[in-house]
Amino acid sequence: MYGNFIITDIRPSKNTINILLIQLGWIFCRRHLYIYLTKKEEKRLTPLLKLSNISVNT
């Protein structure tokens, strides 16, 4: 298990991801998250993951 939350139903939408990251403050496992993202969305989201101190070792 990676972290406290495992996200299994993510829609590749910027708004959905931002709501989950900012409003709910969920911890994402980067490996699981990226499965649901296109390359363009992955590049756009990477800075948010870094700012949120995302770690798979929590």
Protein backbone atom coordinates (compact mmCIF):
# COMPACT_ATOMS: atom_id res chain seq x y z
CA MET A 1 0.00 0.00 0.00
CA TYR A 2 1.34 3.39 -0.97
CA GLY A 3 0.48 6.13 1.51
CA ASN A 4 -2.85 6.57 3.25
CA PHE A 5 -5.01 6.78 0.14
CA ILE A 6 -5.18 4.67 -2.97
CA ILE A 7 -6.94 6.46 -5.80
CA THR A 8 -8.53 4.00 -8.21
CA ASP A 9 -11.12 6.09 -10.06
CA ILE A 10 -9.49 9.20 -11.48
CA ARG A 11 -10.85 10.85 -14.57
CA PRO A 12 -8.19 12.59 -16.67
CA SER A 13 -9.58 16.04 -16.04
CA LYS A 14 -7.60 18.99 -14.72
CA ASN A 15 -10.56 20.21 -12.67
CA THR A 16 -11.16 16.84 -11.04
CA ILE A 17 -7.50 16.44 -10.11
CA ASN A 18 -7.23 19.98 -8.74
CA ILE A 19 -10.35 19.52 -6.61
CA LEU A 20 -8.97 16.29 -5.14
CA LEU A 21 -5.51 17.75 -4.53
CA ILE A 22 -6.49 21.14 -3.14
CA GLN A 23 -9.97 20.87 -1.63
CA LEU A 24 -9.84 17.34 -0.25
CA GLY A 25 -6.09 17.28 0.30
CA TRP A 26 -5.81 13.65 -0.69
CA ILE A 27 -2.41 12.02 -0.95
CA PHE A 28 -1.89 10.53 -4.37
CA CYS A 29 0.31 7.63 -5.24
CA ARG A 30 2.10 8.92 -8.29
CA ARG A 31 2.35 5.51 -9.93
CA HIS A 32 -1.38 4.87 -9.72
CA LEU A 33 -2.29 8.42 -10.67
CA TYR A 34 -0.22 8.51 -13.83
CA ILE A 35 -1.92 5.42 -15.22
CA TYR A 36 -4.99 7.58 -15.80
CA LEU A 37 -3.21 10.59 -17.30
CA THR A 38 -2.17 11.43 -20.80
CA LYS A 39 1.37 12.69 -21.34
CA LYS A 40 0.15 16.27 -21.63
CA GLU A 41 -1.76 16.05 -18.35
CA GLU A 42 1.17 14.33 -16.65
CA LYS A 43 3.48 17.22 -17.55
CA ARG A 44 0.90 19.74 -16.32
CA LEU A 45 0.36 17.92 -13.03
CA THR A 46 4.01 17.19 -12.17
CA PRO A 47 4.65 20.63 -10.57
CA LEU A 48 1.54 20.19 -8.40
CA LEU A 49 2.77 16.82 -7.21
CA LYS A 50 6.16 18.30 -6.31
CA LEU A 51 4.58 21.26 -4.49
CA SER A 52 2.36 18.88 -2.54
CA ASN A 53 5.37 16.81 -1.40
CA ILE A 54 3.91 13.65 -2.85
CA SER A 55 5.66 10.56 -1.62
CA VAL A 56 5.03 6.84 -2.05
CA ASN A 57 6.77 6.12 1.25
CA THR A 58 4.24 7.64 3.67
